Every structure is written in C-alpha cells, then in structure tokens.
C-alpha cells in the first residue's frame, strides 16, 4: 500500500458503476491497468465514489490523471479533456458527481506540497440511471478514452515538465509496453 502513496503519476478512474455511464472512468481505469502500453511507475486506482478519501493517494504525485464521465452537453460518447484549473473555473450546471471531482481537485491544490499537473479525461454519458452496463455510445468510446489516457501519460513521460496548458491536439502518441501498478477500492459514498 505504501507504493501507492509514493507514485509520481497517478491515474484515478472515478464514477459510480451502478449508475450506467457514470462509471465509465472506473471501466477505463480497469482497462488501462491491464494495458501492456501502460508506462512503468504509473499507479492506476479505481477511485469509484471515494471522493476526498483519494487525497492520500494523489497529494504527493506530480501528475494526476482523472478518468470520468463529463457532462459537456455534447452528443453521448463525445470525448472531453480539461485541466484541473479549467474544471475549477467552470461555473454552473454541475452535477453532484462533478462537484465531488471538483472538491477533490481543489483539495489537491491545497494540500499538495508542490505544483501538480491535473488533467481530467472523459466522455459525455448517455444514461446515468440505475444499471451496471455502459450505453452503446459510451461503450464504443471507451477504447478511445483509454488511448487518450495512454497518450497523456506518454506526453508526461516524454516531457516531465509538460505544463497545465497542454491541449488535446498534442496528446496523440502511444507509449511502449511496460510494467504497471494497480490498486482497487470498493465503491463507497463520497
């Protein structure tokens, strides 16, 4: 467990897997942890609905990548990318879920001992009603979300000083196969 607290790059899949597409971040994280392209030294967590309980796992990391359902008022399955600062600057129209992610990011900005690159990648959900399967459009977007996560990780690996201003168009290359680390957490209340 101590290894999880010392990783410099942490990927956290968040969401509720019993609310259909809301769990897309967790599904993406589980695929990512088993992907042979995952760079070594990256910790992948199933953050579920743990919210602020994830602070100890991410507060000392230089780079935090959150995978999530992002309500962007776009077509279901549409990819979205935001920095932590972008998300915190967004006003209005937030779901309770998005507020939990924003609270986590705000807390990380407060408790981290050094500046962090925080990126949120996700897709627009189609259905967040009770259910344990993803909708067809979000399921179809899942592999693209994993590829986008791998591209972001590759960018960070190639440019350790990559800034928060990195845009989605620069996230396109895939890393080579390497070792991976994972921890799972059961879903709990935020």
C-alpha atoms as a PDB file:
ATOM      1  CA  UNK A   1       0.000   0.000   0.000  1.00  0.00           C
ATOM      2  CA  UNK A   2       2.925   2.379   0.649  1.00  0.00           C
ATOM      3  CA  UNK A   3       3.896   2.093  -3.051  1.00  0.00           C
ATOM      4  CA  UNK A   4       0.549   3.646  -3.951  1.00  0.00           C
ATOM      5  CA  UNK A   5       1.352   6.678  -1.821  1.00  0.00           C
ATOM      6  CA  UNK A   6       4.732   7.315  -3.458  1.00  0.00           C
ATOM      7  CA  UNK A   7       3.938   7.198  -7.183  1.00  0.00           C
ATOM      8  CA  UNK A   8       4.779  10.350  -9.141  1.00  0.00           C
ATOM      9  CA  UNK A   9       1.974   9.745 -11.663  1.00  0.00           C
ATOM     10  CA  UNK A  10      -1.461   8.606 -10.535  1.00  0.00           C
ATOM     11  CA  UNK A  11      -4.446   7.733 -12.708  1.00  0.00           C
ATOM     12  CA  UNK A  12      -7.804   7.625 -10.933  1.00  0.00           C
ATOM     13  CA  UNK A  13     -10.961   6.267 -12.539  1.00  0.00           C
ATOM     14  CA  UNK A  14     -13.941   7.846 -10.794  1.00  0.00           C
ATOM     15  CA  UNK A  15     -17.666   7.309 -11.007  1.00  0.00           C
ATOM     16  CA  UNK A  16     -20.446   5.065  -9.834  1.00  0.00           C
ATOM     17  CA  UNK A  17     -20.551   1.753 -11.712  1.00  0.00           C
ATOM     18  CA  UNK A  18     -24.168   1.087 -10.690  1.00  0.00           C
ATOM     19  CA  UNK A  19     -25.317   4.246 -12.490  1.00  0.00           C
ATOM     20  CA  UNK A  20     -24.568   3.046 -16.025  1.00  0.00           C
ATOM     21  CA  UNK A  21     -22.377   5.551 -17.902  1.00  0.00           C
ATOM     22  CA  UNK A  22     -21.405   7.381 -14.710  1.00  0.00           C
ATOM     23  CA  UNK A  23     -18.941   4.523 -14.137  1.00  0.00           C
ATOM     24  CA  UNK A  24     -17.067   4.988 -17.435  1.00  0.00           C
ATOM     25  CA  UNK A  25     -13.995   6.339 -15.607  1.00  0.00           C
ATOM     26  CA  UNK A  26     -13.747   3.213 -13.462  1.00  0.00           C
ATOM     27  CA  UNK A  27     -14.206   0.971 -16.523  1.00  0.00           C
ATOM     28  CA  UNK A  28     -11.476   2.907 -18.360  1.00  0.00           C
ATOM     29  CA  UNK A  29      -9.095   2.635 -15.385  1.00  0.00           C
ATOM     30  CA  UNK A  30      -9.571  -1.131 -15.186  1.00  0.00           C
ATOM     31  CA  UNK A  31      -8.799  -1.485 -18.909  1.00  0.00           C
ATOM     32  CA  UNK A  32      -5.817   0.838 -18.562  1.00  0.00           C
ATOM     33  CA  UNK A  33      -4.265  -1.100 -15.671  1.00  0.00           C
ATOM     34  CA  UNK A  34      -4.220  -4.246 -17.824  1.00  0.00           C
ATOM     35  CA  UNK A  35      -2.927  -2.496 -20.951  1.00  0.00           C
ATOM     36  CA  UNK A  36       0.658  -3.532 -21.796  1.00  0.00           C
ATOM     37  CA  UNK A  37       1.313   0.023 -23.072  1.00  0.00           C
ATOM     38  CA  UNK A  38       0.952   1.492 -19.560  1.00  0.00           C
ATOM     39  CA  UNK A  39       4.267   3.162 -18.611  1.00  0.00           C
ATOM     40  CA  UNK A  40       6.143   1.813 -15.609  1.00  0.00           C
ATOM     41  CA  UNK A  41       5.782   3.693 -12.361  1.00  0.00           C
ATOM     42  CA  UNK A  42       2.195   4.767 -13.001  1.00  0.00           C
ATOM     43  CA  UNK A  43      -0.322   3.919 -10.301  1.00  0.00           C
ATOM     44  CA  UNK A  44      -3.861   3.233 -11.524  1.00  0.00           C
ATOM     45  CA  UNK A  45      -6.663   3.409  -8.965  1.00  0.00           C
ATOM     46  CA  UNK A  46     -10.325   2.502  -9.030  1.00  0.00           C
ATOM     47  CA  UNK A  47     -11.494   5.606  -7.191  1.00  0.00           C
ATOM     48  CA  UNK A  48     -15.180   4.784  -7.575  1.00  0.00           C
ATOM     49  CA  UNK A  49     -17.113   7.259  -5.460  1.00  0.00           C
ATOM     50  CA  UNK A  50     -14.437   7.742  -2.793  1.00  0.00           C
ATOM     51  CA  UNK A  51     -14.075  11.476  -3.473  1.00  0.00           C
ATOM     52  CA  UNK A  52     -11.932  13.230  -0.873  1.00  0.00           C
ATOM     53  CA  UNK A  53     -10.773   9.878   0.508  1.00  0.00           C
ATOM     54  CA  UNK A  54      -8.487   9.729  -2.540  1.00  0.00           C
ATOM     55  CA  UNK A  55      -6.349  12.653  -1.330  1.00  0.00           C
ATOM     56  CA  UNK A  56      -3.635  10.488   0.313  1.00  0.00           C
ATOM     57  CA  UNK A  57      -3.145   8.579  -2.953  1.00  0.00           C
ATOM     58  CA  UNK A  58      -2.747  11.679  -5.126  1.00  0.00           C
ATOM     59  CA  UNK A  59      -1.456  14.531  -2.954  1.00  0.00           C
ATOM     60  CA  UNK A  60       2.251  13.764  -3.435  1.00  0.00           C
ATOM     61  CA  UNK A  61       2.025  12.945  -7.141  1.00  0.00           C
ATOM     62  CA  UNK A  62       3.386  15.455  -9.657  1.00  0.00           C
ATOM     63  CA  UNK A  63       0.807  14.360 -12.226  1.00  0.00           C
ATOM     64  CA  UNK A  64      -2.782  13.264 -11.633  1.00  0.00           C
ATOM     65  CA  UNK A  65      -4.994  11.967 -14.423  1.00  0.00           C
ATOM     66  CA  UNK A  66      -8.703  11.599 -13.644  1.00  0.00           C
ATOM     67  CA  UNK A  67     -10.933   9.480 -15.883  1.00  0.00           C
ATOM     68  CA  UNK A  68     -14.628  10.268 -15.595  1.00  0.00           C
ATOM     69  CA  UNK A  69     -17.994  10.855 -17.201  1.00  0.00           C
ATOM     70  CA  UNK A  70     -18.028  14.539 -18.152  1.00  0.00           C
ATOM     71  CA  UNK A  71     -21.335  16.304 -18.654  1.00  0.00           C
ATOM     72  CA  UNK A  72     -20.456  18.627 -21.521  1.00  0.00           C
ATOM     73  CA  UNK A  73     -23.866  18.950 -23.204  1.00  0.00           C
ATOM     74  CA  UNK A  74     -22.394  17.244 -26.275  1.00  0.00           C
ATOM     75  CA  UNK A  75     -23.517  14.064 -28.005  1.00  0.00           C
ATOM     76  CA  UNK A  76     -23.212  10.882 -25.887  1.00  0.00           C
ATOM     77  CA  UNK A  77     -19.771   9.335 -26.237  1.00  0.00           C
ATOM     78  CA  UNK A  78     -18.112  12.674 -27.075  1.00  0.00           C
ATOM     79  CA  UNK A  79     -14.586  12.905 -25.666  1.00  0.00           C
ATOM     80  CA  UNK A  80     -13.675  15.798 -23.355  1.00  0.00           C
ATOM     81  CA  UNK A  81     -10.382  16.962 -21.866  1.00  0.00           C
ATOM     82  CA  UNK A  82      -9.909  19.575 -19.162  1.00  0.00           C
ATOM     83  CA  UNK A  83      -7.134  20.599 -16.835  1.00  0.00           C
ATOM     84  CA  UNK A  84      -7.878  20.725 -13.135  1.00  0.00           C
ATOM     85  CA  UNK A  85      -7.757  24.518 -13.294  1.00  0.00           C
ATOM     86  CA  UNK A  86     -10.209  24.522 -16.234  1.00  0.00           C
ATOM     87  CA  UNK A  87     -12.667  22.402 -14.266  1.00  0.00           C
ATOM     88  CA  UNK A  88     -12.437  24.617 -11.194  1.00  0.00           C
ATOM     89  CA  UNK A  89     -13.003  27.721 -13.348  1.00  0.00           C
ATOM     90  CA  UNK A  90     -16.212  26.259 -14.801  1.00  0.00           C
ATOM     91  CA  UNK A  91     -19.363  27.734 -13.297  1.00  0.00           C
ATOM     92  CA  UNK A  92     -22.899  26.439 -13.103  1.00  0.00           C
ATOM     93  CA  UNK A  93     -24.611  23.313 -14.388  1.00  0.00           C
ATOM     94  CA  UNK A  94     -22.604  20.877 -12.290  1.00  0.00           C
ATOM     95  CA  UNK A  95     -23.974  17.557 -11.180  1.00  0.00           C
ATOM     96  CA  UNK A  96     -23.334  16.301  -7.648  1.00  0.00           C
ATOM     97  CA  UNK A  97     -20.770  13.937  -9.177  1.00  0.00           C
ATOM     98  CA  UNK A  98     -18.861  16.775 -10.873  1.00  0.00           C
ATOM     99  CA  UNK A  99     -18.871  18.729  -7.620  1.00  0.00           C
ATOM    100  CA  UNK A 100     -17.175  15.763  -5.910  1.00  0.00           C
ATOM    101  CA  UNK A 101     -14.431  15.685  -8.550  1.00  0.00           C
ATOM    102  CA  UNK A 102     -14.040  19.474  -8.301  1.00  0.00           C
ATOM    103  CA  UNK A 103     -13.783  19.177  -4.494  1.00  0.00           C
ATOM    104  CA  UNK A 104     -11.038  16.562  -4.905  1.00  0.00           C
ATOM    105  CA  UNK A 105      -9.106  18.785  -7.331  1.00  0.00           C
ATOM    106  CA  UNK A 106      -9.499  21.849  -5.102  1.00  0.00           C
ATOM    107  CA  UNK A 107      -8.303  19.864  -2.095  1.00  0.00           C
ATOM    108  CA  UNK A 108      -5.284  18.577  -4.039  1.00  0.00           C
ATOM    109  CA  UNK A 109      -4.348  22.156  -4.945  1.00  0.00           C
ATOM    110  CA  UNK A 110      -4.484  22.999  -1.221  1.00  0.00           C
ATOM    111  CA  UNK A 111      -2.681  20.011   0.310  1.00  0.00           C
ATOM    112  CA  UNK A 112      -0.052  19.157  -2.282  1.00  0.00           C
ATOM    113  CA  UNK A 113       3.472  20.112  -1.289  1.00  0.00           C
ATOM    114  CA  UNK A 114       4.330  21.073  -4.889  1.00  0.00           C
ATOM    115  CA  UNK A 115       2.514  22.138  -8.083  1.00  0.00           C
ATOM    116  CA  UNK A 116       0.624  19.321  -9.808  1.00  0.00           C
ATOM    117  CA  UNK A 117      -0.418  18.759 -13.389  1.00  0.00           C
ATOM    118  CA  UNK A 118      -4.030  17.607 -13.137  1.00  0.00           C
ATOM    119  CA  UNK A 119      -5.892  16.505 -16.254  1.00  0.00           C
ATOM    120  CA  UNK A 120      -9.445  15.195 -16.481  1.00  0.00           C
ATOM    121  CA  UNK A 121     -10.362  12.994 -19.458  1.00  0.00           C
ATOM    122  CA  UNK A 122     -13.838  11.669 -20.036  1.00  0.00           C
ATOM    123  CA  UNK A 123     -16.814  11.150 -22.270  1.00  0.00           C
ATOM    124  CA  UNK A 124     -20.330  12.551 -22.302  1.00  0.00           C
ATOM    125  CA  UNK A 125     -22.655   9.972 -20.728  1.00  0.00           C
ATOM    126  CA  UNK A 126     -25.879   8.901 -22.432  1.00  0.00           C
ATOM    127  CA  UNK A 127     -27.503   7.265 -19.417  1.00  0.00           C
ATOM    128  CA  UNK A 128     -26.857   7.655 -15.695  1.00  0.00           C
ATOM    129  CA  UNK A 129     -29.890   5.718 -14.488  1.00  0.00           C
ATOM    130  CA  UNK A 130     -29.578   2.540 -12.400  1.00  0.00           C
ATOM    131  CA  UNK A 131     -27.662  -0.122 -14.305  1.00  0.00           C
ATOM    132  CA  UNK A 132     -24.294  -1.812 -14.399  1.00  0.00           C
ATOM    133  CA  UNK A 133     -23.599  -1.686 -18.141  1.00  0.00           C
ATOM    134  CA  UNK A 134     -22.472   1.204 -20.285  1.00  0.00           C
ATOM    135  CA  UNK A 135     -24.714   2.531 -23.039  1.00  0.00           C
ATOM    136  CA  UNK A 136     -23.721   1.586 -26.584  1.00  0.00           C
ATOM    137  CA  UNK A 137     -22.270   5.013 -27.435  1.00  0.00           C
ATOM    138  CA  UNK A 138     -20.217   5.240 -24.262  1.00  0.00           C
ATOM    139  CA  UNK A 139     -19.053   1.620 -24.610  1.00  0.00           C
ATOM    140  CA  UNK A 140     -17.930   2.482 -28.153  1.00  0.00           C
ATOM    141  CA  UNK A 141     -15.982   5.487 -26.802  1.00  0.00           C
ATOM    142  CA  UNK A 142     -14.272   3.512 -24.014  1.00  0.00           C
ATOM    143  CA  UNK A 143     -11.260   2.336 -26.064  1.00  0.00           C
ATOM    144  CA  UNK A 144     -10.701   5.919 -27.252  1.00  0.00           C
ATOM    145  CA  UNK A 145     -10.731   7.124 -23.645  1.00  0.00           C
ATOM    146  CA  UNK A 146      -8.090   4.545 -22.711  1.00  0.00           C
ATOM    147  CA  UNK A 147      -5.994   5.569 -25.743  1.00  0.00           C
ATOM    148  CA  UNK A 148      -6.307   9.244 -24.738  1.00  0.00           C
ATOM    149  CA  UNK A 149      -5.151   8.352 -21.208  1.00  0.00           C
ATOM    150  CA  UNK A 150      -2.149   6.474 -22.620  1.00  0.00           C
ATOM    151  CA  UNK A 151      -1.354   9.445 -24.851  1.00  0.00           C
ATOM    152  CA  UNK A 152      -1.462  11.833 -21.894  1.00  0.00           C
ATOM    153  CA  UNK A 153       0.782   9.515 -19.880  1.00  0.00           C
ATOM    154  CA  UNK A 154       3.192   9.269 -22.823  1.00  0.00           C
ATOM    155  CA  UNK A 155       3.271  13.050 -23.123  1.00  0.00           C
ATOM    156  CA  UNK A 156       4.110  13.371 -19.431  1.00  0.00           C
ATOM    157  CA  UNK A 157       6.760  10.646 -19.753  1.00  0.00           C
ATOM    158  CA  UNK A 158       8.374  12.350 -22.772  1.00  0.00           C
ATOM    159  CA  UNK A 159       8.129  15.847 -21.275  1.00  0.00           C
ATOM    160  CA  UNK A 160       8.242  15.683 -17.480  1.00  0.00           C
ATOM    161  CA  UNK A 161       7.855  19.474 -17.349  1.00  0.00           C
ATOM    162  CA  UNK A 162       4.711  19.467 -19.544  1.00  0.00           C
ATOM    163  CA  UNK A 163       2.504  22.287 -18.326  1.00  0.00           C
ATOM    164  CA  UNK A 164      -1.158  22.518 -17.496  1.00  0.00           C
ATOM    165  CA  UNK A 165      -1.625  24.326 -20.802  1.00  0.00           C
ATOM    166  CA  UNK A 166      -1.127  21.159 -22.882  1.00  0.00           C
ATOM    167  CA  UNK A 167      -4.040  20.796 -25.284  1.00  0.00           C
ATOM    168  CA  UNK A 168      -5.752  17.668 -26.570  1.00  0.00           C
ATOM    169  CA  UNK A 169      -4.239  18.064 -30.050  1.00  0.00           C
ATOM    170  CA  UNK A 170      -0.780  17.376 -28.605  1.00  0.00           C
ATOM    171  CA  UNK A 171      -1.942  14.140 -26.989  1.00  0.00           C
ATOM    172  CA  UNK A 172      -1.572  11.633 -29.780  1.00  0.00           C
ATOM    173  CA  UNK A 173       1.335   9.203 -29.350  1.00  0.00           C
ATOM    174  CA  UNK A 174       1.159   5.869 -27.551  1.00  0.00           C
ATOM    175  CA  UNK A 175       3.803   4.701 -25.053  1.00  0.00           C
ATOM    176  CA  UNK A 176       5.628   1.386 -25.361  1.00  0.00           C
ATOM    177  CA  UNK A 177       4.715  -1.698 -23.277  1.00  0.00           C
ATOM    178  CA  UNK A 178       5.977  -1.605 -19.698  1.00  0.00           C
ATOM    179  CA  UNK A 179       5.190  -2.665 -16.150  1.00  0.00           C
ATOM    180  CA  UNK A 180       2.066  -1.374 -14.389  1.00  0.00           C
ATOM    181  CA  UNK A 181       0.748  -0.970 -10.875  1.00  0.00           C
ATOM    182  CA  UNK A 182      -2.869  -1.064  -9.753  1.00  0.00           C
ATOM    183  CA  UNK A 183      -4.994  -0.893  -6.644  1.00  0.00           C
ATOM    184  CA  UNK A 184      -8.723  -1.286  -6.416  1.00  0.00           C
ATOM    185  CA  UNK A 185     -11.045   0.305  -3.921  1.00  0.00           C
ATOM    186  CA  UNK A 186     -14.588  -0.774  -3.388  1.00  0.00           C
ATOM    187  CA  UNK A 187     -17.180   1.852  -4.122  1.00  0.00           C
ATOM    188  CA  UNK A 188     -18.260   3.946  -1.179  1.00  0.00           C
ATOM    189  CA  UNK A 189     -20.129   7.158  -0.560  1.00  0.00           C
ATOM    190  CA  UNK A 190     -18.434  10.453  -1.414  1.00  0.00           C
END
